[in-house]
């Protein structure tokens, strides 16, 4: 049997670690930086124009920008939809945490 070099053994071990971690860890979608940057800029500038609806966000982007590519517009709209949902989820978590703190203070009294 051929003996592996130290480097080869490390590469195989590293590759195995990556493969096992991919099975366990949920991997997100990869988007180009220009999509994320455009989406974040639009969301910061017009936060009230966007909703959790992908279709409504597509229409808003068409009105607000001069993006002519259908694919780019859809990718930006999809990322904005994700940002809106994430913001809503974080706000809900903050409200629950505040309520939990208040209920803890009341029980101490």
Foldseek 3Di string as FASTA:
>chain_A
DDDDDPVVVVVVVVVVVVVVVPVVDPDDDDDDPVLVVVLVVCCVVCVPQADLDLVSLLVVCVVPDDDPDPVSSSSSSVVNSVVRVVVVVVVVVVVVVVVVVVVVVVVVD
